[in-house]
């Protein structure tokens, strides 16, 4: 996984509550 993808993913997770 690219760092960019990881950053975007982290942003999404932080933007939203815990999602399972």
PDB file of N, CA and C in Angstrom:
ATOM      1  N   UNK A   1       0.859  -1.217   0.000  1.00  0.00           N
ATOM      2  CA  UNK A   1       0.000   0.000   0.000  1.00  0.00           C
ATOM      3  C   UNK A   1       0.886   1.256   0.000  1.00  0.00           C
ATOM      4  N   UNK A   2       0.523   2.188  -0.832  1.00  0.00           N
ATOM      5  CA  UNK A   2       1.308   3.426  -0.891  1.00  0.00           C
ATOM      6  C   UNK A   2       1.021   4.304   0.320  1.00  0.00           C
ATOM      7  N   UNK A   3       1.984   5.119   0.672  1.00  0.00           N
ATOM      8  CA  UNK A   3       1.800   5.997   1.836  1.00  0.00           C
ATOM      9  C   UNK A   3       0.634   6.955   1.608  1.00  0.00           C
ATOM     10  N   UNK A   4       0.487   7.388   0.378  1.00  0.00           N
ATOM     11  CA  UNK A   4      -0.603   8.299   0.058  1.00  0.00           C
ATOM     12  C   UNK A   4      -1.941   7.636   0.349  1.00  0.00           C
ATOM     13  N   UNK A   5      -2.084   6.390  -0.097  1.00  0.00           N
ATOM     14  CA  UNK A   5      -3.338   5.669   0.111  1.00  0.00           C
ATOM     15  C   UNK A   5      -3.561   5.541   1.620  1.00  0.00           C
ATOM     16  N   UNK A   6      -2.501   5.239   2.353  1.00  0.00           N
ATOM     17  CA  UNK A   6      -2.636   5.047   3.795  1.00  0.00           C
ATOM     18  C   UNK A   6      -3.081   6.341   4.463  1.00  0.00           C
ATOM     19  N   UNK A   7      -2.534   7.457   4.018  1.00  0.00           N
ATOM     20  CA  UNK A   7      -2.900   8.754   4.600  1.00  0.00           C
ATOM     21  C   UNK A   7      -4.368   9.056   4.338  1.00  0.00           C
ATOM     22  N   UNK A   8      -4.786   8.770   3.131  1.00  0.00           N
ATOM     23  CA  UNK A   8      -6.199   9.027   2.784  1.00  0.00           C
ATOM     24  C   UNK A   8      -7.109   8.134   3.620  1.00  0.00           C
ATOM     25  N   UNK A   9      -6.669   6.906   3.807  1.00  0.00           N
ATOM     26  CA  UNK A   9      -7.455   5.958   4.597  1.00  0.00           C
ATOM     27  C   UNK A   9      -7.544   6.436   6.047  1.00  0.00           C
ATOM     28  N   UNK A  10      -6.426   6.874   6.561  1.00  0.00           N
ATOM     29  CA  UNK A  10      -6.391   7.371   7.945  1.00  0.00           C
ATOM     30  C   UNK A  10      -7.329   8.577   8.079  1.00  0.00           C
ATOM     31  N   UNK A  11      -7.308   9.416   7.092  1.00  0.00           N
ATOM     32  CA  UNK A  11      -8.173  10.606   7.114  1.00  0.00           C
ATOM     33  C   UNK A  11      -9.636  10.191   7.163  1.00  0.00           C
ATOM     34  N   UNK A  12      -9.973   9.206   6.364  1.00  0.00           N
ATOM     35  CA  UNK A  12     -11.355   8.722   6.326  1.00  0.00           C
ATOM     36  C   UNK A  12     -11.750   8.145   7.676  1.00  0.00           C
ATOM     37  N   UNK A  13     -10.874   7.356   8.240  1.00  0.00           N
ATOM     38  CA  UNK A  13     -11.161   6.721   9.532  1.00  0.00           C
ATOM     39  C   UNK A  13     -11.335   7.784  10.613  1.00  0.00           C
ATOM     40  N   UNK A  14     -10.478   8.789  10.580  1.00  0.00           N
ATOM     41  CA  UNK A  14     -10.569   9.839  11.592  1.00  0.00           C
ATOM     42  C   UNK A  14     -11.798  10.716  11.371  1.00  0.00           C
ATOM     43  N   UNK A  15     -12.207  10.788  10.118  1.00  0.00           N
ATOM     44  CA  UNK A  15     -13.364  11.618   9.787  1.00  0.00           C
ATOM     45  C   UNK A  15     -14.654  10.937  10.230  1.00  0.00           C
ATOM     46  N   UNK A  16     -14.600   9.607  10.276  1.00  0.00           N
ATOM     47  CA  UNK A  16     -15.797   8.848  10.643  1.00  0.00           C
ATOM     48  C   UNK A  16     -15.556   8.084  11.948  1.00  0.00           C
ATOM     49  N   UNK A  17     -16.637   7.763  12.653  1.00  0.00           N
ATOM     50  CA  UNK A  17     -16.506   6.966  13.872  1.00  0.00           C
ATOM     51  C   UNK A  17     -16.102   5.535  13.537  1.00  0.00           C
ATOM     52  N   UNK A  18     -15.903   4.734  14.554  1.00  0.00           N
ATOM     53  CA  UNK A  18     -15.507   3.344  14.311  1.00  0.00           C
ATOM     54  C   UNK A  18     -16.534   2.660  13.441  1.00  0.00           C
ATOM     55  N   UNK A  19     -16.071   2.159  12.311  1.00  0.00           N
ATOM     56  CA  UNK A  19     -16.970   1.514  11.354  1.00  0.00           C
ATOM     57  C   UNK A  19     -16.501   0.087  11.126  1.00  0.00           C
ATOM     58  N   UNK A  20     -17.382  -0.877  11.345  1.00  0.00           N
ATOM     59  CA  UNK A  20     -16.979  -2.278  11.181  1.00  0.00           C
ATOM     60  C   UNK A  20     -17.578  -2.870   9.914  1.00  0.00           C
TER      61      UNK A  20
END
